[in-house]
Structure formats: C-alpha cells, structure tokens
Amino acid sequence: MRSLCFLTLAILALAAPCCSNPFLGSYVGERFPPVGSAAVITRPPSPQTARWIGRADFSTDAVIEPSQAIAAARAVGADLVEWSDRDTGTMLQWSSNTVSVSNWTGQISTAPMPVADTLFRCSARFYRSNSLGGSPLNPGQEPMPMLVPAAGGS
C-alpha cells in the first residue's frame, strides 16, 4: 500500500509541471533535451542563427509571467522564446454564490451573481539556436510550416 501511495505521488509530481505551465500544456512541436537557460526575444531570429521548433497558443484569465514562457522554452529544448499576451475583452458569466438575503434575519440563499472575467490570448514561438545542434526527442512532430513567422516581421 505504501509503495502504491509513493507511486501515485511520483506520477502526480511528474505531471504537475506540465499542468501548471500553460505554455507546456498547449505546446505543439519538436522536443529536444532541456537547455540550461533561455531568453525572451521580441522578434523572430534569423534562420541562419536559430530554427523554429514549436508553438503554444491558449486563452486564460490568469496572469501570465515571462518566467513561465522561459521555463517552458527550457523544458522543450529551446533557448529563445518570443511570446505575447493580448487582452481579448471581458466575459460576463453567471455564478451561483451564497449570499445573505437579509442581514437582520440571517436567512441565506443561493442566487445567481454576475462575474466578470478578463480573458487574455497568449502566444509563444520557441526557437533553438543552430549552435546547440542535436536531434529532436520526438521526430516527426514539427510545427505546421505555414505558421512559421516571417523573419523581421511584427
């Protein structure tokens, strides 16, 4: 029984980084051995210096930090990551919350309450410097070529 609990915890610990980092959860592309460091870039690198290995695209209402993009880049073997997030607006949803109907009688009821969530659209492009070399750990998982951003584009 103890070994079963240990095995379950080990599996959860291995799966947790993928689930907690939305860049990894939505990553599509080649994977290389992890790199020691990665940097955020603002423009695609020249094809002579680095190659595009994958992408991640997702929507979220959470705050996304550059450190999450960097961690995902390192994990997939990219040493360069270009990422952006854009506010896609506010979405109004209805949520059932427990509210006090009357302060002096103490009655409690469940009523629909409007909840506003701001959604962000996040995109990342992962690049691996040509100087790193190496072969993908998952050959044949290249990102779709039509989505490769033009070098020097916006």
N, C-alpha and C. Protein backbone atom coordinates (compact mmCIF):
# COMPACT_ATOMS: atom_id res chain seq x y z
N MET A 1 0.82 -1.19 0.00
CA MET A 1 0.00 0.00 0.00
C MET A 1 0.87 1.26 0.00
N ARG A 2 1.93 1.22 0.81
CA ARG A 2 2.82 2.38 0.90
C ARG A 2 3.47 2.65 -0.45
N SER A 3 3.88 1.58 -1.16
CA SER A 3 4.52 1.79 -2.47
C SER A 3 3.53 2.32 -3.49
N LEU A 4 2.26 1.95 -3.38
CA LEU A 4 1.23 2.47 -4.28
C LEU A 4 1.05 3.97 -4.06
N CYS A 5 1.03 4.39 -2.80
CA CYS A 5 0.92 5.82 -2.50
C CYS A 5 2.12 6.59 -3.03
N PHE A 6 3.31 6.01 -2.84
CA PHE A 6 4.53 6.66 -3.34
C PHE A 6 4.50 6.77 -4.86
N LEU A 7 4.07 5.71 -5.53
CA LEU A 7 3.99 5.72 -6.99
C LEU A 7 2.99 6.78 -7.47
N THR A 8 1.85 6.87 -6.81
CA THR A 8 0.85 7.88 -7.18
C THR A 8 1.39 9.29 -7.01
N LEU A 9 2.07 9.54 -5.89
CA LEU A 9 2.66 10.86 -5.66
C LEU A 9 3.75 11.17 -6.68
N ALA A 10 4.54 10.18 -7.05
CA ALA A 10 5.59 10.39 -8.04
C ALA A 10 5.00 10.75 -9.40
N ILE A 11 3.93 10.08 -9.80
CA ILE A 11 3.28 10.37 -11.08
C ILE A 11 2.69 11.78 -11.06
N LEU A 12 2.04 12.15 -9.96
CA LEU A 12 1.48 13.49 -9.85
C LEU A 12 2.58 14.55 -9.88
N ALA A 13 3.70 14.29 -9.24
CA ALA A 13 4.80 15.26 -9.23
C ALA A 13 5.38 15.44 -10.63
N LEU A 14 5.44 14.36 -11.40
CA LEU A 14 5.95 14.47 -12.77
C LEU A 14 4.96 15.18 -13.68
N ALA A 15 3.68 14.99 -13.45
CA ALA A 15 2.66 15.60 -14.31
C ALA A 15 2.39 17.05 -13.93
N ALA A 16 2.66 17.44 -12.72
CA ALA A 16 2.32 18.79 -12.24
C ALA A 16 2.97 19.91 -13.05
N PRO A 17 4.25 19.85 -13.42
CA PRO A 17 4.83 20.96 -14.17
C PRO A 17 4.13 21.22 -15.50
N CYS A 18 3.70 20.16 -16.17
CA CYS A 18 3.01 20.34 -17.45
C CYS A 18 1.67 21.03 -17.25
N CYS A 19 0.98 20.65 -16.23
CA CYS A 19 -0.35 21.19 -15.99
C CYS A 19 -0.29 22.61 -15.44
N SER A 20 0.74 22.92 -14.68
CA SER A 20 0.80 24.24 -14.06
C SER A 20 1.34 25.30 -15.01
N ASN A 21 2.00 24.92 -16.07
CA ASN A 21 2.53 25.87 -17.04
C ASN A 21 1.71 25.77 -18.32
N PRO A 22 0.87 26.76 -18.60
CA PRO A 22 0.00 26.67 -19.77
C PRO A 22 0.77 26.63 -21.10
N PHE A 23 1.99 27.16 -21.11
CA PHE A 23 2.79 27.08 -22.34
C PHE A 23 3.13 25.63 -22.65
N LEU A 24 3.46 24.85 -21.63
CA LEU A 24 3.77 23.43 -21.85
C LEU A 24 2.51 22.65 -22.16
N GLY A 25 1.42 23.01 -21.51
CA GLY A 25 0.17 22.30 -21.73
C GLY A 25 -0.36 22.44 -23.15
N SER A 26 -0.03 23.53 -23.83
CA SER A 26 -0.53 23.74 -25.20
C SER A 26 0.58 23.67 -26.24
N TYR A 27 1.77 23.22 -25.84
CA TYR A 27 2.92 23.18 -26.76
C TYR A 27 2.71 22.15 -27.86
N VAL A 28 3.02 22.55 -29.10
CA VAL A 28 2.99 21.67 -30.25
C VAL A 28 4.31 21.87 -30.98
N GLY A 29 5.02 20.80 -31.21
CA GLY A 29 6.28 20.90 -31.94
C GLY A 29 7.30 19.88 -31.49
N GLU A 30 8.52 20.09 -31.95
CA GLU A 30 9.61 19.18 -31.62
C GLU A 30 10.07 19.41 -30.18
N ARG A 31 10.57 18.36 -29.57
CA ARG A 31 11.15 18.46 -28.23
C ARG A 31 12.60 17.98 -28.29
N PHE A 32 13.45 18.74 -27.64
CA PHE A 32 14.87 18.43 -27.55
C PHE A 32 15.21 18.26 -26.08
N PRO A 33 16.41 17.78 -25.77
CA PRO A 33 16.80 17.73 -24.36
C PRO A 33 16.73 19.14 -23.76
N PRO A 34 16.35 19.24 -22.50
CA PRO A 34 16.25 20.56 -21.86
C PRO A 34 17.56 21.35 -21.93
N VAL A 35 17.43 22.66 -22.01
CA VAL A 35 18.61 23.54 -22.03
C VAL A 35 18.73 24.23 -20.67
N GLY A 36 19.93 24.70 -20.38
CA GLY A 36 20.19 25.34 -19.08
C GLY A 36 19.59 26.72 -18.94
N SER A 37 19.51 27.46 -20.04
CA SER A 37 18.96 28.81 -19.96
C SER A 37 18.24 29.16 -21.26
N ALA A 38 17.31 30.09 -21.14
CA ALA A 38 16.56 30.56 -22.30
C ALA A 38 16.31 32.05 -22.12
N ALA A 39 16.09 32.73 -23.23
CA ALA A 39 15.87 34.17 -23.20
C ALA A 39 14.61 34.52 -23.97
N VAL A 40 13.96 35.59 -23.54
CA VAL A 40 12.80 36.12 -24.25
C VAL A 40 13.31 37.06 -25.33
N ILE A 41 12.79 36.91 -26.53
CA ILE A 41 13.14 37.78 -27.65
C ILE A 41 11.89 38.50 -28.12
N THR A 42 12.07 39.62 -28.82
CA THR A 42 10.92 40.40 -29.28
C THR A 42 10.66 40.24 -30.78
N ARG A 43 11.59 39.64 -31.49
CA ARG A 43 11.45 39.38 -32.93
C ARG A 43 11.96 37.99 -33.24
N PRO A 44 11.43 37.37 -34.27
CA PRO A 44 11.96 36.06 -34.65
C PRO A 44 13.43 36.17 -35.02
N PRO A 45 14.24 35.20 -34.65
CA PRO A 45 15.66 35.24 -35.02
C PRO A 45 15.85 34.91 -36.50
N SER A 46 16.99 35.22 -37.00
CA SER A 46 17.33 34.89 -38.38
C SER A 46 17.41 33.38 -38.53
N PRO A 47 16.92 32.82 -39.64
CA PRO A 47 17.02 31.38 -39.86
C PRO A 47 18.47 30.88 -39.88
N GLN A 48 19.41 31.78 -40.11
CA GLN A 48 20.82 31.39 -40.10
C GLN A 48 21.33 31.16 -38.68
N THR A 49 20.64 31.71 -37.66
CA THR A 49 21.12 31.57 -36.29
C THR A 49 20.28 30.61 -35.44
N ALA A 50 19.00 30.46 -35.76
CA ALA A 50 18.13 29.59 -34.96
C ALA A 50 16.99 29.06 -35.82
N ARG A 51 16.44 27.93 -35.39
CA ARG A 51 15.30 27.36 -36.11
C ARG A 51 14.09 27.30 -35.19
N TRP A 52 12.93 27.47 -35.80
CA TRP A 52 11.66 27.42 -35.07
C TRP A 52 11.34 25.97 -34.79
N ILE A 53 11.08 25.63 -33.50
CA ILE A 53 10.80 24.23 -33.18
C ILE A 53 9.38 23.98 -32.70
N GLY A 54 8.65 25.03 -32.31
CA GLY A 54 7.29 24.79 -31.84
C GLY A 54 6.57 26.05 -31.42
N ARG A 55 5.31 25.85 -30.99
CA ARG A 55 4.47 26.98 -30.61
C ARG A 55 3.54 26.57 -29.47
N ALA A 56 2.98 27.57 -28.82
CA ALA A 56 1.95 27.36 -27.80
C ALA A 56 0.96 28.50 -27.92
N ASP A 57 -0.30 28.20 -27.92
CA ASP A 57 -1.37 29.19 -28.02
C ASP A 57 -2.48 28.79 -27.06
N PHE A 58 -2.94 29.72 -26.24
CA PHE A 58 -4.00 29.43 -25.30
C PHE A 58 -4.66 30.72 -24.83
N SER A 59 -5.86 30.58 -24.27
CA SER A 59 -6.57 31.69 -23.64
C SER A 59 -6.64 31.42 -22.15
N THR A 60 -6.56 32.49 -21.36
CA THR A 60 -6.59 32.33 -19.92
C THR A 60 -7.11 33.59 -19.25
N ASP A 61 -7.60 33.44 -18.03
CA ASP A 61 -7.95 34.61 -17.24
C ASP A 61 -6.92 34.84 -16.14
N ALA A 62 -5.86 34.03 -16.15
CA ALA A 62 -4.79 34.15 -15.15
C ALA A 62 -3.70 35.10 -15.66
N VAL A 63 -2.95 35.64 -14.73
CA VAL A 63 -1.80 36.48 -15.08
C VAL A 63 -0.66 35.57 -15.51
N ILE A 64 -0.10 35.83 -16.67
CA ILE A 64 0.99 35.03 -17.20
C ILE A 64 2.29 35.81 -17.06
N GLU A 65 3.30 35.16 -16.55
CA GLU A 65 4.60 35.78 -16.32
C GLU A 65 5.61 35.32 -17.36
N PRO A 66 6.60 36.19 -17.69
CA PRO A 66 7.65 35.78 -18.62
C PRO A 66 8.40 34.53 -18.14
N SER A 67 8.50 34.36 -16.83
CA SER A 67 9.22 33.20 -16.30
C SER A 67 8.56 31.89 -16.72
N GLN A 68 7.24 31.89 -16.95
CA GLN A 68 6.55 30.68 -17.39
C GLN A 68 6.93 30.34 -18.83
N ALA A 69 7.05 31.36 -19.68
CA ALA A 69 7.47 31.13 -21.06
C ALA A 69 8.91 30.63 -21.10
N ILE A 70 9.76 31.21 -20.26
CA ILE A 70 11.17 30.80 -20.21
C ILE A 70 11.29 29.36 -19.72
N ALA A 71 10.54 29.01 -18.67
CA ALA A 71 10.58 27.64 -18.15
C ALA A 71 10.11 26.63 -19.20
N ALA A 72 9.08 26.98 -19.95
CA ALA A 72 8.59 26.09 -21.00
C ALA A 72 9.63 25.94 -22.10
N ALA A 73 10.27 27.06 -22.47
CA ALA A 73 11.31 27.00 -23.51
C ALA A 73 12.44 26.06 -23.08
N ARG A 74 12.91 26.23 -21.87
CA ARG A 74 13.99 25.37 -21.38
C ARG A 74 13.57 23.90 -21.41
N ALA A 75 12.32 23.61 -21.01
CA ALA A 75 11.84 22.23 -20.93
C ALA A 75 11.74 21.56 -22.30
N VAL A 76 11.43 22.32 -23.35
CA VAL A 76 11.30 21.71 -24.68
C VAL A 76 12.60 21.79 -25.48
N GLY A 77 13.65 22.37 -24.87
CA GLY A 77 14.95 22.44 -25.53
C GLY A 77 15.15 23.68 -26.38
N ALA A 78 14.36 24.70 -26.15
CA ALA A 78 14.51 25.97 -26.88
C ALA A 78 15.29 26.94 -26.01
N ASP A 79 16.19 27.69 -26.63
CA ASP A 79 16.92 28.69 -25.85
C ASP A 79 16.42 30.10 -26.12
N LEU A 80 15.44 30.22 -27.03
CA LEU A 80 14.84 31.51 -27.35
C LEU A 80 13.32 31.34 -27.41
N VAL A 81 12.61 32.32 -26.85
CA VAL A 81 11.14 32.27 -26.91
C VAL A 81 10.64 33.68 -27.17
N GLU A 82 9.73 33.77 -28.12
CA GLU A 82 9.04 35.03 -28.43
C GLU A 82 7.60 34.83 -27.98
N TRP A 83 7.10 35.66 -27.08
CA TRP A 83 5.74 35.46 -26.59
C TRP A 83 5.01 36.77 -26.43
N SER A 84 3.70 36.67 -26.42
CA SER A 84 2.87 37.86 -26.25
C SER A 84 1.55 37.45 -25.60
N ASP A 85 0.93 38.40 -24.95
CA ASP A 85 -0.43 38.19 -24.46
C ASP A 85 -1.23 39.43 -24.82
N ARG A 86 -2.49 39.20 -25.13
CA ARG A 86 -3.33 40.32 -25.55
C ARG A 86 -4.68 40.17 -24.88
N ASP A 87 -5.18 41.29 -24.40
CA ASP A 87 -6.47 41.33 -23.73
C ASP A 87 -7.55 41.13 -24.79
N THR A 88 -8.35 40.09 -24.64
CA THR A 88 -9.40 39.82 -25.62
C THR A 88 -10.77 40.28 -25.13
N GLY A 89 -10.77 41.00 -24.02
CA GLY A 89 -12.03 41.56 -23.52
C GLY A 89 -12.50 40.89 -22.25
N THR A 90 -13.63 41.36 -21.81
CA THR A 90 -14.22 40.86 -20.57
C THR A 90 -15.42 39.99 -20.91
N MET A 91 -15.49 38.87 -20.25
CA MET A 91 -16.60 37.95 -20.46
C MET A 91 -17.44 37.93 -19.18
N LEU A 92 -18.72 38.14 -19.32
CA LEU A 92 -19.63 38.12 -18.18
C LEU A 92 -20.22 36.73 -18.06
N GLN A 93 -20.08 36.13 -16.88
CA GLN A 93 -20.63 34.81 -16.61
C GLN A 93 -21.52 34.90 -15.39
N TRP A 94 -22.39 33.93 -15.26
CA TRP A 94 -23.25 33.87 -14.08
C TRP A 94 -22.74 32.77 -13.18
N SER A 95 -22.62 33.09 -11.92
CA SER A 95 -22.13 32.13 -10.94
C SER A 95 -23.11 32.07 -9.79
N SER A 96 -23.34 30.89 -9.25
CA SER A 96 -24.22 30.77 -8.08
C SER A 96 -23.36 30.91 -6.83
N ASN A 97 -23.56 31.99 -6.13
CA ASN A 97 -22.83 32.25 -4.90
C ASN A 97 -23.82 32.31 -3.74
N THR A 98 -23.36 31.93 -2.57
CA THR A 98 -24.19 32.04 -1.38
C THR A 98 -24.16 33.49 -0.92
N VAL A 99 -25.33 34.07 -0.81
CA VAL A 99 -25.43 35.47 -0.37
C VAL A 99 -26.44 35.56 0.77
N SER A 100 -26.25 36.55 1.60
CA SER A 100 -27.18 36.80 2.70
C SER A 100 -28.33 37.64 2.17
N VAL A 101 -29.54 37.11 2.24
CA VAL A 101 -30.71 37.82 1.74
C VAL A 101 -31.08 38.94 2.69
N SER A 102 -30.97 38.69 3.97
CA SER A 102 -31.36 39.69 4.96
C SER A 102 -30.35 39.67 6.10
N ASN A 103 -29.75 40.80 6.35
CA ASN A 103 -28.76 40.88 7.42
C ASN A 103 -29.37 40.68 8.80
N TRP A 104 -30.59 41.16 9.04
CA TRP A 104 -31.15 41.07 10.39
C TRP A 104 -31.88 39.76 10.64
N THR A 105 -32.30 39.01 9.59
CA THR A 105 -32.97 37.73 9.85
C THR A 105 -31.99 36.56 9.75
N GLY A 106 -30.85 36.77 9.09
CA GLY A 106 -29.85 35.72 8.97
C GLY A 106 -30.17 34.67 7.93
N GLN A 107 -31.19 34.93 7.09
CA GLN A 107 -31.52 33.97 6.04
C GLN A 107 -30.41 33.95 4.99
N ILE A 108 -30.10 32.76 4.52
CA ILE A 108 -29.07 32.61 3.50
C ILE A 108 -29.68 31.92 2.30
N SER A 109 -29.33 32.38 1.13
CA SER A 109 -29.88 31.82 -0.09
C SER A 109 -28.79 31.78 -1.15
N THR A 110 -29.02 30.99 -2.17
CA THR A 110 -28.10 30.95 -3.31
C THR A 110 -28.75 31.72 -4.45
N ALA A 111 -28.02 32.67 -5.00
CA ALA A 111 -28.57 33.50 -6.06
C ALA A 111 -27.52 33.65 -7.17
N PRO A 112 -27.98 33.73 -8.41
CA PRO A 112 -27.02 33.95 -9.49
C PRO A 112 -26.39 35.34 -9.38
N MET A 113 -25.09 35.39 -9.50
CA MET A 113 -24.35 36.65 -9.40
C MET A 113 -23.51 36.82 -10.67
N PRO A 114 -23.49 38.01 -11.24
CA PRO A 114 -22.64 38.22 -12.41
C PRO A 114 -21.16 38.26 -11.99
N VAL A 115 -20.33 37.60 -12.78
CA VAL A 115 -18.88 37.58 -12.53
C VAL A 115 -18.21 37.97 -13.84
N ALA A 116 -17.36 38.97 -13.79
CA ALA A 116 -16.66 39.43 -14.99
C ALA A 116 -15.24 38.87 -14.98
N ASP A 117 -14.85 38.18 -16.05
CA ASP A 117 -13.51 37.65 -16.20
C ASP A 117 -12.85 38.32 -17.40
N THR A 118 -11.63 38.81 -17.20
CA THR A 118 -10.86 39.35 -18.31
C THR A 118 -10.06 38.20 -18.91
N LEU A 119 -10.20 38.01 -20.20
CA LEU A 119 -9.50 36.92 -20.89
C LEU A 119 -8.31 37.46 -21.66
N PHE A 120 -7.24 36.68 -21.65
CA PHE A 120 -6.04 37.01 -22.40
C PHE A 120 -5.75 35.90 -23.39
N ARG A 121 -5.32 36.27 -24.58
CA ARG A 121 -4.89 35.32 -25.60
C ARG A 121 -3.37 35.33 -25.59
N CYS A 122 -2.76 34.21 -25.29
CA CYS A 122 -1.30 34.12 -25.20
C CYS A 122 -0.76 33.27 -26.35
N SER A 123 0.35 33.72 -26.90
CA SER A 123 1.03 33.00 -27.98
C SER A 123 2.52 32.98 -27.69
N ALA A 124 3.15 31.89 -28.03
CA ALA A 124 4.60 31.79 -27.88
C ALA A 124 5.16 31.01 -29.06
N ARG A 125 6.32 31.42 -29.50
CA ARG A 125 7.06 30.72 -30.54
C ARG A 125 8.41 30.36 -29.96
N PHE A 126 8.79 29.10 -30.09
CA PHE A 126 10.01 28.60 -29.49
C PHE A 126 11.06 28.34 -30.56
N TYR A 127 12.29 28.77 -30.30
CA TYR A 127 13.39 28.64 -31.24
C TYR A 127 14.58 27.97 -30.56
N ARG A 128 15.34 27.23 -31.35
CA ARG A 128 16.56 26.57 -30.87
C ARG A 128 17.72 27.07 -31.72
N SER A 129 18.73 27.61 -31.05
CA SER A 129 19.91 28.11 -31.76
C SER A 129 20.57 26.98 -32.52
N ASN A 130 20.99 27.28 -33.75
CA ASN A 130 21.65 26.28 -34.58
C ASN A 130 22.93 25.76 -33.93
N SER A 131 23.56 26.59 -33.13
CA SER A 131 24.81 26.18 -32.47
C SER A 131 24.60 25.07 -31.45
N LEU A 132 23.36 24.88 -30.97
CA LEU A 132 23.09 23.82 -29.99
C LEU A 132 23.03 22.45 -30.65
N GLY A 133 22.67 22.41 -31.92
CA GLY A 133 22.60 21.12 -32.63
C GLY A 133 21.62 20.18 -31.97
N GLY A 134 21.88 18.89 -32.13
CA GLY A 134 21.05 17.86 -31.50
C GLY A 134 19.89 17.43 -32.37
N SER A 135 19.35 16.29 -32.03
CA SER A 135 18.20 15.73 -32.73
C SER A 135 16.98 15.79 -31.84
N PRO A 136 15.81 15.96 -32.43
CA PRO A 136 14.59 16.00 -31.63
C PRO A 136 14.35 14.68 -30.91
N LEU A 137 13.78 14.75 -29.73
CA LEU A 137 13.41 13.55 -28.98
C LEU A 137 12.14 12.93 -29.55
N ASN A 138 11.37 13.71 -30.29
CA ASN A 138 10.13 13.24 -30.89
C ASN A 138 10.13 13.56 -32.38
N PRO A 139 10.94 12.88 -33.20
CA PRO A 139 11.00 13.18 -34.63
C PRO A 139 9.61 13.10 -35.28
N GLY A 140 9.40 13.96 -36.24
CA GLY A 140 8.13 13.98 -36.96
C GLY A 140 7.07 14.84 -36.31
N GLN A 141 7.39 15.54 -35.24
CA GLN A 141 6.42 16.38 -34.55
C GLN A 141 6.66 17.86 -34.84
N GLU A 142 7.15 18.16 -36.01
CA GLU A 142 7.43 19.55 -36.36
C GLU A 142 6.15 20.36 -36.37
N PRO A 143 6.22 21.64 -36.02
CA PRO A 143 5.04 22.50 -36.13
C PRO A 143 4.66 22.70 -37.59
N MET A 144 3.44 23.09 -37.83
CA MET A 144 2.97 23.27 -39.20
C MET A 144 3.76 24.39 -39.88
N PRO A 145 4.39 24.11 -41.03
CA PRO A 145 5.24 25.11 -41.69
C PRO A 145 4.52 26.40 -42.04
N MET A 146 3.23 26.36 -42.34
CA MET A 146 2.53 27.59 -42.74
C MET A 146 2.44 28.60 -41.61
N LEU A 147 2.68 28.18 -40.37
CA LEU A 147 2.58 29.08 -39.25
C LEU A 147 3.92 29.70 -38.84
N VAL A 148 4.98 29.42 -39.59
CA VAL A 148 6.28 29.97 -39.26
C VAL A 148 6.25 31.47 -39.49
N PRO A 149 6.56 32.29 -38.47
CA PRO A 149 6.54 33.73 -38.67
C PRO A 149 7.70 34.17 -39.55
N ALA A 150 7.46 35.21 -40.32
CA ALA A 150 8.50 35.74 -41.20
C ALA A 150 9.58 36.42 -40.37
N ALA A 151 10.84 36.22 -40.73
CA ALA A 151 11.94 36.85 -40.02
C ALA A 151 11.84 38.36 -40.19
N GLY A 152 11.95 39.07 -39.07
CA GLY A 152 11.90 40.53 -39.11
C GLY A 152 10.48 41.09 -39.16
N GLY A 153 9.48 40.21 -39.13
CA GLY A 153 8.09 40.68 -39.17
C GLY A 153 7.64 41.16 -37.81
N SER A 154 6.43 41.69 -37.76
CA SER A 154 5.94 42.20 -36.48
C SER A 154 5.15 41.18 -35.74
